[in-house]
Amino acid sequence: MDLIYLDYNCFQRRFDDSSQIRIQIEALACQEIFNWAEAQTAQLIWSFMHEDETLLCPFPERQNLALELSTLCQIRIAPETAIYMLAQELIQ
């Protein structure tokens, strides 16, 4: 079974300008990968960065779709402790 880490834009691609052929093809390709995950012929990865980008998205419809698609991701990657600690320092 293939293990796939998608760039976050794949979770948002269907909202992009579909008048462009390249965007149409990319949207279809992304959807096909999500279909593979649903059929369990591929495993998708969801990382803490995907989560951050989703929560920062100002559009509820896009945010909801990304969170829905995240349920297809069987593998979750959390930040390493060192990264988390550094982020906490930067916030303060």
Foldseek 3Di string as FASTA:
>chain_A
DAEDEDDLVLLVLVVDDPVDPVSVVSVVVSVVVLVCLVVPVYAYEAEPVSVVVLVPDPDPVSSVSSVVSCVSHPHYYYDDPVVVVVVVVVVD
